[in-house]
Amino acid sequence: MPTKKDLLTYLGSGVSFLVLMLIYSASFIVPEGNRAIVTQFGRPIAGAERSPGLNFKLPFVQDARFIDSRILSWDGSADKIPTRDKKYIWVDTTARWKIVDILKFMQTVTNEKKARSTLDTILDAATRDMVSKHNLVETVRNSNSIFDRIAEAEKKRAQLEKDSDPSVVAAIVEEEVTGDIDKIEVGRERLSQMIKEKAEIKLEEFGIELIDVQIRRIAYEESVQEKVYDRMISERKRIAEKIRSVGRGEQAKIEGKINRDLKKIESEAYRKAETIKGKADAKAIKIYADAFSKDPKFFEFIRTMDAYKKSMTKPGTDFILSTDSDFLGKLSRE
């Protein structure tokens, strides 16, 4: 049979255990990067929000529900959206968000899973609405700086074309921005900001702050993609033809220069040849004249022998001469 001392020991142990249970049930720790809401019978109490660290509540009747207070990410699914200029594109968006009013958040969407579902609905609708109100170019470019590049390229090309360097000119032509280019009024960044502004108005009632929204990826719908590829091919062909035109122009310049140089060389060679020939003829005439003046009969004999050689040694040549012809006088005996 237990003694009184044993009963007091058992009672003390029970009281200690009960106190420990009460302390354990009444205290809780909120981790860093989280906030907590204290609820009583499922409803938030006054001053229910708790910061990170050690916190207390009424044991057994109150409960603590934890909420992530860090910046969270949201990735939407790619949606097929028509633009204002009737081009279908796939738009994939992403966003960052944060729970700023924990009490309102708990009273509306209750948990993060339902919050993400709400973000899907609101952000997808805002994205579709904004993209469909603007042309395709607004979702692609952020500025009109491309027109400055075109003007600079044209200026550079005009300067380099004076140097007649076909390789440089062809390289500039290949780098030219071609086709019809539309100016943007909004741009991709501003369009993302407009999506954010439209969505965050609706998200305020859920205690959610939208940090930013970004259009992560844009892809053409298949039919539009084929048109884009056709346009790219035609642009490449146009650039290739332009480069060929530059090449043909340079070819004509080179051939013209070659012809001018060739004619100049031929003219100079002909002049020198005629000069040399004239000097040679003059020298030969002088030699003949000197020989004739020294011995006219010998000169006449040599010229006659040359005539015989040229006429009589030629195959197939027949002569019909009279016996008193002077031509054969040198061959006759006196």
C-alpha atoms as a PDB file:
ATOM      1  CA  MET A   1       0.000   0.000   0.000  1.00  0.00           C
ATOM      2  CA  PRO A   2       1.530   3.389  -1.098  1.00  0.00           C
ATOM      3  CA  THR A   3       2.441   5.734   1.619  1.00  0.00           C
ATOM      4  CA  LYS A   4       1.518   9.385   1.895  1.00  0.00           C
ATOM      5  CA  LYS A   5       4.958  10.338   0.711  1.00  0.00           C
ATOM      6  CA  ASP A   6       4.547   8.225  -2.404  1.00  0.00           C
ATOM      7  CA  LEU A   7       1.184   9.811  -3.120  1.00  0.00           C
ATOM      8  CA  LEU A   8       2.713  13.274  -2.824  1.00  0.00           C
ATOM      9  CA  THR A   9       5.521  12.226  -5.163  1.00  0.00           C
ATOM     10  CA  TYR A  10       3.061  10.919  -7.743  1.00  0.00           C
ATOM     11  CA  LEU A  11       0.959  14.054  -7.412  1.00  0.00           C
ATOM     12  CA  GLY A  12       4.017  16.303  -7.861  1.00  0.00           C
ATOM     13  CA  SER A  13       5.044  14.394 -10.992  1.00  0.00           C
ATOM     14  CA  GLY A  14       1.556  14.731 -12.434  1.00  0.00           C
ATOM     15  CA  VAL A  15       1.453  18.449 -11.733  1.00  0.00           C
ATOM     16  CA  SER A  16       4.887  18.913 -13.319  1.00  0.00           C
ATOM     17  CA  PHE A  17       3.794  16.964 -16.379  1.00  0.00           C
ATOM     18  CA  LEU A  18       0.614  19.030 -16.628  1.00  0.00           C
ATOM     19  CA  VAL A  19       2.587  22.277 -16.358  1.00  0.00           C
ATOM     20  CA  LEU A  20       4.993  21.124 -19.046  1.00  0.00           C
ATOM     21  CA  MET A  21       2.070  20.214 -21.297  1.00  0.00           C
ATOM     22  CA  LEU A  22       0.504  23.618 -20.727  1.00  0.00           C
ATOM     23  CA  ILE A  23       3.782  25.409 -21.519  1.00  0.00           C
ATOM     24  CA  TYR A  24       4.305  23.269 -24.646  1.00  0.00           C
ATOM     25  CA  SER A  25       0.742  23.905 -25.823  1.00  0.00           C
ATOM     26  CA  ALA A  26       0.896  27.627 -25.057  1.00  0.00           C
ATOM     27  CA  SER A  27       4.223  28.342 -26.782  1.00  0.00           C
ATOM     28  CA  PHE A  28       5.300  28.115 -30.409  1.00  0.00           C
ATOM     29  CA  ILE A  29       8.222  29.301 -32.529  1.00  0.00           C
ATOM     30  CA  VAL A  30       7.721  31.203 -35.788  1.00  0.00           C
ATOM     31  CA  PRO A  31      10.663  30.455 -38.163  1.00  0.00           C
ATOM     32  CA  GLU A  32      12.576  33.236 -39.892  1.00  0.00           C
ATOM     33  CA  GLY A  33      10.896  34.226 -43.170  1.00  0.00           C
ATOM     34  CA  ASN A  34       7.446  33.255 -41.851  1.00  0.00           C
ATOM     35  CA  ARG A  35       4.593  34.922 -40.019  1.00  0.00           C
ATOM     36  CA  ALA A  36       1.860  33.297 -37.947  1.00  0.00           C
ATOM     37  CA  ILE A  37      -1.824  33.864 -37.286  1.00  0.00           C
ATOM     38  CA  VAL A  38      -3.343  32.774 -33.989  1.00  0.00           C
ATOM     39  CA  THR A  39      -6.861  31.375 -34.389  1.00  0.00           C
ATOM     40  CA  GLN A  40      -9.417  30.371 -31.826  1.00  0.00           C
ATOM     41  CA  PHE A  41     -11.898  27.740 -32.928  1.00  0.00           C
ATOM     42  CA  GLY A  42     -10.802  28.424 -36.540  1.00  0.00           C
ATOM     43  CA  ARG A  43     -11.233  32.190 -36.398  1.00  0.00           C
ATOM     44  CA  PRO A  44      -8.390  34.743 -36.088  1.00  0.00           C
ATOM     45  CA  ILE A  45      -8.310  36.533 -32.744  1.00  0.00           C
ATOM     46  CA  ALA A  46      -7.623  40.233 -32.209  1.00  0.00           C
ATOM     47  CA  GLY A  47      -3.937  40.987 -32.744  1.00  0.00           C
ATOM     48  CA  ALA A  48      -3.573  37.538 -34.239  1.00  0.00           C
ATOM     49  CA  GLU A  49      -0.422  38.194 -36.262  1.00  0.00           C
ATOM     50  CA  ARG A  50       2.860  36.943 -34.820  1.00  0.00           C
ATOM     51  CA  SER A  51       6.435  37.768 -35.879  1.00  0.00           C
ATOM     52  CA  PRO A  52       9.368  35.316 -36.126  1.00  0.00           C
ATOM     53  CA  GLY A  53      10.637  34.072 -32.775  1.00  0.00           C
ATOM     54  CA  LEU A  54       9.097  32.613 -29.610  1.00  0.00           C
ATOM     55  CA  ASN A  55       5.372  33.378 -29.201  1.00  0.00           C
ATOM     56  CA  PHE A  56       2.550  32.288 -26.869  1.00  0.00           C
ATOM     57  CA  LYS A  57      -1.139  31.442 -27.153  1.00  0.00           C
ATOM     58  CA  LEU A  58      -3.873  29.961 -25.005  1.00  0.00           C
ATOM     59  CA  PRO A  59      -3.271  26.251 -24.717  1.00  0.00           C
ATOM     60  CA  PHE A  60      -5.665  23.789 -26.318  1.00  0.00           C
ATOM     61  CA  VAL A  61      -8.237  26.410 -27.472  1.00  0.00           C
ATOM     62  CA  GLN A  62      -5.974  28.441 -29.754  1.00  0.00           C
ATOM     63  CA  ASP A  63      -3.907  27.349 -32.744  1.00  0.00           C
ATOM     64  CA  ALA A  64      -1.075  28.920 -34.811  1.00  0.00           C
ATOM     65  CA  ARG A  65      -1.128  28.861 -38.625  1.00  0.00           C
ATOM     66  CA  PHE A  66       2.128  29.717 -40.418  1.00  0.00           C
ATOM     67  CA  ILE A  67       2.412  31.801 -43.572  1.00  0.00           C
ATOM     68  CA  ASP A  68       5.511  32.231 -45.745  1.00  0.00           C
ATOM     69  CA  SER A  69       6.302  35.976 -45.762  1.00  0.00           C
ATOM     70  CA  ARG A  70       9.190  35.805 -48.243  1.00  0.00           C
ATOM     71  CA  ILE A  71       9.045  36.818 -51.900  1.00  0.00           C
ATOM     72  CA  LEU A  72       7.566  33.905 -53.825  1.00  0.00           C
ATOM     73  CA  SER A  73       7.623  33.059 -57.525  1.00  0.00           C
ATOM     74  CA  TRP A  74       4.778  32.256 -59.863  1.00  0.00           C
ATOM     75  CA  ASP A  75       5.135  30.601 -63.267  1.00  0.00           C
ATOM     76  CA  GLY A  76       2.153  30.717 -65.558  1.00  0.00           C
ATOM     77  CA  SER A  77       1.345  28.263 -68.294  1.00  0.00           C
ATOM     78  CA  ALA A  78       1.885  29.258 -71.923  1.00  0.00           C
ATOM     79  CA  ASP A  79      -1.334  30.670 -73.417  1.00  0.00           C
ATOM     80  CA  LYS A  80      -2.230  31.157 -77.073  1.00  0.00           C
ATOM     81  CA  ILE A  81      -3.251  34.807 -77.443  1.00  0.00           C
ATOM     82  CA  PRO A  82      -4.185  36.869 -80.530  1.00  0.00           C
ATOM     83  CA  THR A  83      -2.526  40.283 -80.801  1.00  0.00           C
ATOM     84  CA  ARG A  84      -4.236  43.417 -82.047  1.00  0.00           C
ATOM     85  CA  ASP A  85      -2.731  42.889 -85.518  1.00  0.00           C
ATOM     86  CA  LYS A  86      -4.338  39.411 -85.669  1.00  0.00           C
ATOM     87  CA  LYS A  87      -1.230  37.325 -85.032  1.00  0.00           C
ATOM     88  CA  TYR A  88      -1.504  34.339 -82.721  1.00  0.00           C
ATOM     89  CA  ILE A  89       1.391  33.874 -80.305  1.00  0.00           C
ATOM     90  CA  TRP A  90       2.170  31.708 -77.283  1.00  0.00           C
ATOM     91  CA  VAL A  91       2.884  33.884 -74.253  1.00  0.00           C
ATOM     92  CA  ASP A  92       4.570  32.515 -71.137  1.00  0.00           C
ATOM     93  CA  THR A  93       4.692  34.836 -68.113  1.00  0.00           C
ATOM     94  CA  THR A  94       6.314  34.720 -64.715  1.00  0.00           C
ATOM     95  CA  ALA A  95       5.873  36.878 -61.613  1.00  0.00           C
ATOM     96  CA  ARG A  96       7.081  37.462 -58.080  1.00  0.00           C
ATOM     97  CA  TRP A  97       4.630  38.041 -55.261  1.00  0.00           C
ATOM     98  CA  LYS A  98       4.484  38.427 -51.505  1.00  0.00           C
ATOM     99  CA  ILE A  99       1.874  38.075 -48.762  1.00  0.00           C
ATOM    100  CA  VAL A 100       1.700  41.481 -47.056  1.00  0.00           C
ATOM    101  CA  ASP A 101      -1.606  41.276 -45.179  1.00  0.00           C
ATOM    102  CA  ILE A 102      -1.605  37.902 -43.454  1.00  0.00           C
ATOM    103  CA  LEU A 103      -4.984  38.334 -41.812  1.00  0.00           C
ATOM    104  CA  LYS A 104      -6.720  39.278 -45.060  1.00  0.00           C
ATOM    105  CA  PHE A 105      -4.885  36.445 -46.807  1.00  0.00           C
ATOM    106  CA  MET A 106      -6.122  33.899 -44.254  1.00  0.00           C
ATOM    107  CA  GLN A 107      -9.678  35.186 -44.465  1.00  0.00           C
ATOM    108  CA  THR A 108      -9.806  34.976 -48.282  1.00  0.00           C
ATOM    109  CA  VAL A 109      -7.565  32.341 -49.859  1.00  0.00           C
ATOM    110  CA  THR A 110      -6.502  30.635 -46.573  1.00  0.00           C
ATOM    111  CA  ASN A 111      -3.353  28.952 -47.942  1.00  0.00           C
ATOM    112  CA  GLU A 112      -0.585  29.226 -50.535  1.00  0.00           C
ATOM    113  CA  LYS A 113      -2.014  26.553 -52.850  1.00  0.00           C
ATOM    114  CA  LYS A 114      -5.296  28.428 -53.270  1.00  0.00           C
ATOM    115  CA  ALA A 115      -3.342  31.680 -53.607  1.00  0.00           C
ATOM    116  CA  ARG A 116      -1.435  30.261 -56.587  1.00  0.00           C
ATOM    117  CA  SER A 117      -4.720  29.189 -58.162  1.00  0.00           C
ATOM    118  CA  THR A 118      -6.005  32.746 -57.712  1.00  0.00           C
ATOM    119  CA  LEU A 119      -2.809  34.115 -59.273  1.00  0.00           C
ATOM    120  CA  ASP A 120      -3.301  31.803 -62.259  1.00  0.00           C
ATOM    121  CA  THR A 121      -6.758  33.200 -62.884  1.00  0.00           C
ATOM    122  CA  ILE A 122      -5.966  36.892 -62.368  1.00  0.00           C
ATOM    123  CA  LEU A 123      -2.557  37.075 -64.069  1.00  0.00           C
ATOM    124  CA  ASP A 124      -3.562  34.953 -67.067  1.00  0.00           C
ATOM    125  CA  ALA A 125      -6.607  37.176 -67.604  1.00  0.00           C
ATOM    126  CA  ALA A 126      -4.543  40.372 -67.281  1.00  0.00           C
ATOM    127  CA  THR A 127      -1.896  39.037 -69.675  1.00  0.00           C
ATOM    128  CA  ARG A 128      -4.471  38.026 -72.263  1.00  0.00           C
ATOM    129  CA  ASP A 129      -6.244  41.367 -71.986  1.00  0.00           C
ATOM    130  CA  MET A 130      -3.083  43.477 -72.408  1.00  0.00           C
ATOM    131  CA  VAL A 131      -1.467  41.415 -75.175  1.00  0.00           C
ATOM    132  CA  SER A 132      -4.657  41.349 -77.236  1.00  0.00           C
ATOM    133  CA  LYS A 133      -4.855  45.169 -77.063  1.00  0.00           C
ATOM    134  CA  HIS A 134      -1.384  45.694 -78.582  1.00  0.00           C
ATOM    135  CA  ASN A 135       0.460  44.716 -81.742  1.00  0.00           C
ATOM    136  CA  LEU A 136       2.983  41.905 -81.817  1.00  0.00           C
ATOM    137  CA  VAL A 137       5.946  44.292 -81.991  1.00  0.00           C
ATOM    138  CA  GLU A 138       5.018  45.695 -78.573  1.00  0.00           C
ATOM    139  CA  THR A 139       5.671  42.286 -76.967  1.00  0.00           C
ATOM    140  CA  VAL A 140       9.046  41.899 -78.661  1.00  0.00           C
ATOM    141  CA  ARG A 141      10.939  45.213 -78.462  1.00  0.00           C
ATOM    142  CA  ASN A 142      11.528  47.675 -75.647  1.00  0.00           C
ATOM    143  CA  SER A 143      12.587  50.752 -77.617  1.00  0.00           C
ATOM    144  CA  ASN A 144      12.892  52.322 -81.071  1.00  0.00           C
ATOM    145  CA  SER A 145      16.700  52.396 -80.948  1.00  0.00           C
ATOM    146  CA  ILE A 146      16.733  50.124 -83.999  1.00  0.00           C
ATOM    147  CA  PHE A 147      15.916  53.162 -86.162  1.00  0.00           C
ATOM    148  CA  ASP A 148      19.040  54.910 -84.851  1.00  0.00           C
ATOM    149  CA  ARG A 149      21.038  51.822 -85.848  1.00  0.00           C
ATOM    150  CA  ILE A 150      19.548  51.929 -89.349  1.00  0.00           C
ATOM    151  CA  ALA A 151      20.445  55.605 -89.769  1.00  0.00           C
ATOM    152  CA  GLU A 152      23.975  54.988 -88.491  1.00  0.00           C
ATOM    153  CA  ALA A 153      24.410  52.006 -90.827  1.00  0.00           C
ATOM    154  CA  GLU A 154      23.236  54.041 -93.818  1.00  0.00           C
ATOM    155  CA  LYS A 155      25.666  56.817 -92.950  1.00  0.00           C
ATOM    156  CA  LYS A 156      28.538  54.377 -92.509  1.00  0.00           C
ATOM    157  CA  ARG A 157      27.720  52.621 -95.751  1.00  0.00           C
ATOM    158  CA  ALA A 158      27.650  55.884 -97.693  1.00  0.00           C
ATOM    159  CA  GLN A 159      31.122  56.749 -96.392  1.00  0.00           C
ATOM    160  CA  LEU A 160      32.632  53.319 -97.075  1.00  0.00           C
ATOM    161  CA  GLU A 161      31.146  53.017-100.544  1.00  0.00           C
ATOM    162  CA  LYS A 162      33.502  55.836-101.588  1.00  0.00           C
ATOM    163  CA  ASP A 163      36.441  53.528-100.828  1.00  0.00           C
ATOM    164  CA  SER A 164      35.199  50.992-103.417  1.00  0.00           C
ATOM    165  CA  ASP A 165      35.941  48.085-101.091  1.00  0.00           C
ATOM    166  CA  PRO A 166      33.464  45.344-102.071  1.00  0.00           C
ATOM    167  CA  SER A 167      34.098  43.179 -99.019  1.00  0.00           C
ATOM    168  CA  VAL A 168      33.335  46.035 -96.627  1.00  0.00           C
ATOM    169  CA  VAL A 169      30.261  47.165 -98.551  1.00  0.00           C
ATOM    170  CA  ALA A 170      28.958  43.571 -98.775  1.00  0.00           C
ATOM    171  CA  ALA A 171      29.413  43.127 -95.022  1.00  0.00           C
ATOM    172  CA  ILE A 172      27.437  46.312 -94.331  1.00  0.00           C
ATOM    173  CA  VAL A 173      24.665  45.232 -96.703  1.00  0.00           C
ATOM    174  CA  GLU A 174      24.450  41.859 -94.949  1.00  0.00           C
ATOM    175  CA  GLU A 175      24.117  43.536 -91.543  1.00  0.00           C
ATOM    176  CA  GLU A 176      21.424  45.943 -92.691  1.00  0.00           C
ATOM    177  CA  VAL A 177      18.071  45.810 -90.926  1.00  0.00           C
ATOM    178  CA  THR A 178      15.562  45.131 -93.660  1.00  0.00           C
ATOM    179  CA  GLY A 179      11.844  44.838 -94.121  1.00  0.00           C
ATOM    180  CA  ASP A 180       9.006  46.924 -92.765  1.00  0.00           C
ATOM    181  CA  ILE A 181       9.765  47.902 -89.187  1.00  0.00           C
ATOM    182  CA  ASP A 182       7.028  49.318 -86.992  1.00  0.00           C
ATOM    183  CA  LYS A 183       7.664  51.835 -84.256  1.00  0.00           C
ATOM    184  CA  ILE A 184       6.581  50.813 -80.790  1.00  0.00           C
ATOM    185  CA  GLU A 185       4.451  52.931 -78.506  1.00  0.00           C
ATOM    186  CA  VAL A 186       4.535  50.806 -75.344  1.00  0.00           C
ATOM    187  CA  GLY A 187       7.297  48.177 -75.513  1.00  0.00           C
ATOM    188  CA  ARG A 188       7.762  44.880 -73.751  1.00  0.00           C
ATOM    189  CA  GLU A 189       8.811  46.243 -70.353  1.00  0.00           C
ATOM    190  CA  ARG A 190       5.968  48.751 -70.191  1.00  0.00           C
ATOM    191  CA  LEU A 191       3.523  46.048 -71.316  1.00  0.00           C
ATOM    192  CA  SER A 192       4.701  43.842 -68.441  1.00  0.00           C
ATOM    193  CA  GLN A 193       4.209  46.791 -66.073  1.00  0.00           C
ATOM    194  CA  MET A 194       0.668  47.291 -67.380  1.00  0.00           C
ATOM    195  CA  ILE A 195      -0.114  43.621 -66.736  1.00  0.00           C
ATOM    196  CA  LYS A 196       1.194  44.047 -63.180  1.00  0.00           C
ATOM    197  CA  GLU A 197      -0.852  47.199 -62.575  1.00  0.00           C
ATOM    198  CA  LYS A 198      -4.026  45.548 -63.814  1.00  0.00           C
ATOM    199  CA  ALA A 199      -3.523  42.382 -61.756  1.00  0.00           C
ATOM    200  CA  GLU A 200      -2.359  43.952 -58.501  1.00  0.00           C
ATOM    201  CA  ILE A 201      -5.620  45.891 -58.118  1.00  0.00           C
ATOM    202  CA  LYS A 202      -7.516  42.609 -57.853  1.00  0.00           C
ATOM    203  CA  LEU A 203      -4.845  40.929 -55.711  1.00  0.00           C
ATOM    204  CA  GLU A 204      -5.011  43.624 -53.020  1.00  0.00           C
ATOM    205  CA  GLU A 205      -8.249  42.170 -51.657  1.00  0.00           C
ATOM    206  CA  PHE A 206      -6.406  38.913 -50.985  1.00  0.00           C
ATOM    207  CA  GLY A 207      -3.576  40.560 -49.031  1.00  0.00           C
ATOM    208  CA  ILE A 208      -1.098  39.848 -51.859  1.00  0.00           C
ATOM    209  CA  GLU A 209       1.431  42.324 -53.226  1.00  0.00           C
ATOM    210  CA  LEU A 210       2.646  41.765 -56.787  1.00  0.00           C
ATOM    211  CA  ILE A 211       6.381  42.577 -56.989  1.00  0.00           C
ATOM    212  CA  ASP A 212       6.783  42.343 -60.750  1.00  0.00           C
ATOM    213  CA  VAL A 213       5.574  40.529 -63.877  1.00  0.00           C
ATOM    214  CA  GLN A 214       7.779  39.505 -66.789  1.00  0.00           C
ATOM    215  CA  ILE A 215       6.955  38.070 -70.209  1.00  0.00           C
ATOM    216  CA  ARG A 216       9.379  35.170 -70.086  1.00  0.00           C
ATOM    217  CA  ARG A 217       8.931  33.701 -73.547  1.00  0.00           C
ATOM    218  CA  ILE A 218       7.026  34.444 -76.747  1.00  0.00           C
ATOM    219  CA  ALA A 219       6.621  31.860 -79.499  1.00  0.00           C
ATOM    220  CA  TYR A 220       4.807  32.157 -82.790  1.00  0.00           C
ATOM    221  CA  GLU A 221       1.790  30.018 -83.511  1.00  0.00           C
ATOM    222  CA  GLU A 222       2.564  27.504 -86.286  1.00  0.00           C
ATOM    223  CA  SER A 223       0.815  29.374 -89.120  1.00  0.00           C
ATOM    224  CA  VAL A 224       2.459  32.656 -88.093  1.00  0.00           C
ATOM    225  CA  GLN A 225       5.789  30.864 -87.741  1.00  0.00           C
ATOM    226  CA  GLU A 226       5.647  29.716 -91.361  1.00  0.00           C
ATOM    227  CA  LYS A 227       5.000  33.291 -92.516  1.00  0.00           C
ATOM    228  CA  VAL A 228       7.927  34.529 -90.438  1.00  0.00           C
ATOM    229  CA  TYR A 229      10.227  31.898 -91.950  1.00  0.00           C
ATOM    230  CA  ASP A 230       9.053  32.810 -95.464  1.00  0.00           C
ATOM    231  CA  ARG A 231       9.735  36.453 -94.732  1.00  0.00           C
ATOM    232  CA  MET A 232      13.194  35.620 -93.373  1.00  0.00           C
ATOM    233  CA  ILE A 233      13.977  33.600 -96.509  1.00  0.00           C
ATOM    234  CA  SER A 234      12.827  36.403 -98.821  1.00  0.00           C
ATOM    235  CA  GLU A 235      14.868  38.935 -96.832  1.00  0.00           C
ATOM    236  CA  ARG A 236      17.974  36.745 -97.076  1.00  0.00           C
ATOM    237  CA  LYS A 237      17.432  36.398-100.818  1.00  0.00           C
ATOM    238  CA  ARG A 238      17.012  40.149-101.166  1.00  0.00           C
ATOM    239  CA  ILE A 239      20.221  40.768 -99.221  1.00  0.00           C
ATOM    240  CA  ALA A 240      22.044  38.141-101.316  1.00  0.00           C
ATOM    241  CA  GLU A 241      20.874  39.834-104.515  1.00  0.00           C
ATOM    242  CA  LYS A 242      21.976  43.191-103.156  1.00  0.00           C
ATOM    243  CA  ILE A 243      25.418  41.774-102.366  1.00  0.00           C
ATOM    244  CA  ARG A 244      25.603  40.271-105.879  1.00  0.00           C
ATOM    245  CA  SER A 245      24.687  43.683-107.280  1.00  0.00           C
ATOM    246  CA  VAL A 246      27.534  45.249-105.320  1.00  0.00           C
ATOM    247  CA  GLY A 247      29.821  42.502-106.662  1.00  0.00           C
ATOM    248  CA  ARG A 248      28.720  43.075-110.239  1.00  0.00           C
ATOM    249  CA  GLY A 249      29.347  46.786-109.850  1.00  0.00           C
ATOM    250  CA  GLU A 250      32.827  46.142-108.530  1.00  0.00           C
ATOM    251  CA  GLN A 251      33.420  43.634-111.354  1.00  0.00           C
ATOM    252  CA  ALA A 252      32.496  46.280-113.916  1.00  0.00           C
ATOM    253  CA  LYS A 253      34.863  48.761-112.255  1.00  0.00           C
ATOM    254  CA  ILE A 254      37.727  46.248-112.238  1.00  0.00           C
ATOM    255  CA  GLU A 255      37.133  45.172-115.849  1.00  0.00           C
ATOM    256  CA  GLY A 256      36.946  48.807-116.946  1.00  0.00           C
ATOM    257  CA  LYS A 257      40.230  49.580-115.216  1.00  0.00           C
ATOM    258  CA  ILE A 258      41.835  46.476-116.796  1.00  0.00           C
ATOM    259  CA  ASN A 259      40.656  47.538-120.272  1.00  0.00           C
ATOM    260  CA  ARG A 260      41.963  51.062-119.764  1.00  0.00           C
ATOM    261  CA  ASP A 261      45.314  49.764-118.546  1.00  0.00           C
ATOM    262  CA  LEU A 262      45.499  47.243-121.411  1.00  0.00           C
ATOM    263  CA  LYS A 263      44.775  49.885-124.034  1.00  0.00           C
ATOM    264  CA  LYS A 264      47.326  52.160-122.462  1.00  0.00           C
ATOM    265  CA  ILE A 265      49.956  49.386-122.553  1.00  0.00           C
ATOM    266  CA  GLU A 266      49.096  48.461-126.151  1.00  0.00           C
ATOM    267  CA  SER A 267      49.215  52.097-127.222  1.00  0.00           C
ATOM    268  CA  GLU A 268      52.567  52.605-125.536  1.00  0.00           C
ATOM    269  CA  ALA A 269      53.949  49.383-127.068  1.00  0.00           C
ATOM    270  CA  TYR A 270      52.699  50.342-130.538  1.00  0.00           C
ATOM    271  CA  ARG A 271      54.307  53.766-130.215  1.00  0.00           C
ATOM    272  CA  LYS A 272      57.631  52.276-129.180  1.00  0.00           C
ATOM    273  CA  ALA A 273      57.469  49.621-131.953  1.00  0.00           C
ATOM    274  CA  GLU A 274      56.734  52.237-134.587  1.00  0.00           C
ATOM    275  CA  THR A 275      59.552  54.401-133.274  1.00  0.00           C
ATOM    276  CA  ILE A 276      62.009  51.484-133.410  1.00  0.00           C
ATOM    277  CA  LYS A 277      60.731  50.433-136.843  1.00  0.00           C
ATOM    278  CA  GLY A 278      61.115  53.955-138.162  1.00  0.00           C
ATOM    279  CA  LYS A 279      64.671  54.186-136.873  1.00  0.00           C
ATOM    280  CA  ALA A 280      65.472  50.770-138.403  1.00  0.00           C
ATOM    281  CA  ASP A 281      63.982  51.761-141.766  1.00  0.00           C
ATOM    282  CA  ALA A 282      65.937  54.994-141.736  1.00  0.00           C
ATOM    283  CA  LYS A 283      69.139  53.138-140.922  1.00  0.00           C
ATOM    284  CA  ALA A 284      68.478  50.534-143.670  1.00  0.00           C
ATOM    285  CA  ILE A 285      67.769  53.273-146.201  1.00  0.00           C
ATOM    286  CA  LYS A 286      70.989  54.992-145.214  1.00  0.00           C
ATOM    287  CA  ILE A 287      72.952  51.752-145.625  1.00  0.00           C
ATOM    288  CA  TYR A 288      71.395  51.143-149.034  1.00  0.00           C
ATOM    289  CA  ALA A 289      72.067  54.717-150.051  1.00  0.00           C
ATOM    290  CA  ASP A 290      75.696  54.501-148.955  1.00  0.00           C
ATOM    291  CA  ALA A 291      76.159  51.209-150.784  1.00  0.00           C
ATOM    292  CA  PHE A 292      74.511  52.575-153.919  1.00  0.00           C
ATOM    293  CA  SER A 293      76.652  55.673-153.907  1.00  0.00           C
ATOM    294  CA  LYS A 294      79.867  53.632-153.557  1.00  0.00           C
ATOM    295  CA  ASP A 295      79.189  51.015-156.290  1.00  0.00           C
ATOM    296  CA  PRO A 296      75.933  51.354-158.199  1.00  0.00           C
ATOM    297  CA  LYS A 297      76.551  48.290-160.344  1.00  0.00           C
ATOM    298  CA  PHE A 298      77.197  46.055-157.362  1.00  0.00           C
ATOM    299  CA  PHE A 299      74.062  47.337-155.669  1.00  0.00           C
ATOM    300  CA  GLU A 300      72.054  46.645-158.824  1.00  0.00           C
ATOM    301  CA  PHE A 301      73.529  43.106-158.965  1.00  0.00           C
ATOM    302  CA  ILE A 302      72.643  42.340-155.318  1.00  0.00           C
ATOM    303  CA  ARG A 303      69.076  43.602-155.735  1.00  0.00           C
ATOM    304  CA  THR A 304      68.682  41.506-158.896  1.00  0.00           C
ATOM    305  CA  MET A 305      69.921  38.377-157.095  1.00  0.00           C
ATOM    306  CA  ASP A 306      67.407  39.026-154.298  1.00  0.00           C
ATOM    307  CA  ALA A 307      64.654  39.284-156.895  1.00  0.00           C
ATOM    308  CA  TYR A 308      65.723  35.957-158.471  1.00  0.00           C
ATOM    309  CA  LYS A 309      65.742  34.302-155.070  1.00  0.00           C
ATOM    310  CA  LYS A 310      62.296  35.514-154.107  1.00  0.00           C
ATOM    311  CA  SER A 311      60.706  34.668-157.459  1.00  0.00           C
ATOM    312  CA  MET A 312      62.431  31.559-158.730  1.00  0.00           C
ATOM    313  CA  THR A 313      62.744  29.617-155.506  1.00  0.00           C
ATOM    314  CA  LYS A 314      59.037  29.850-154.771  1.00  0.00           C
ATOM    315  CA  PRO A 315      57.388  26.424-155.522  1.00  0.00           C
ATOM    316  CA  GLY A 316      54.835  26.309-158.352  1.00  0.00           C
ATOM    317  CA  THR A 317      55.955  29.539-159.969  1.00  0.00           C
ATOM    318  CA  ASP A 318      56.098  29.590-163.792  1.00  0.00           C
ATOM    319  CA  PHE A 319      57.627  32.370-165.889  1.00  0.00           C
ATOM    320  CA  ILE A 320      56.938  33.122-169.510  1.00  0.00           C
ATOM    321  CA  LEU A 321      59.545  35.590-170.708  1.00  0.00           C
ATOM    322  CA  SER A 322      60.869  36.657-174.088  1.00  0.00           C
ATOM    323  CA  THR A 323      64.468  36.069-174.994  1.00  0.00           C
ATOM    324  CA  ASP A 324      65.241  39.726-174.820  1.00  0.00           C
ATOM    325  CA  SER A 325      63.756  40.265-171.322  1.00  0.00           C
ATOM    326  CA  ASP A 326      65.828  42.470-169.035  1.00  0.00           C
ATOM    327  CA  PHE A 327      64.811  40.438-166.022  1.00  0.00           C
ATOM    328  CA  LEU A 328      67.156  37.558-166.890  1.00  0.00           C
ATOM    329  CA  GLY A 329      69.851  39.816-168.187  1.00  0.00           C
ATOM    330  CA  LYS A 330      72.214  39.038-165.296  1.00  0.00           C
ATOM    331  CA  LEU A 331      72.003  35.282-166.068  1.00  0.00           C
ATOM    332  CA  SER A 332      72.859  35.650-169.751  1.00  0.00           C
ATOM    333  CA  ARG A 333      76.450  35.427-171.094  1.00  0.00           C
ATOM    334  CA  GLU A 334      77.883  38.404-172.707  1.00  0.00           C
END
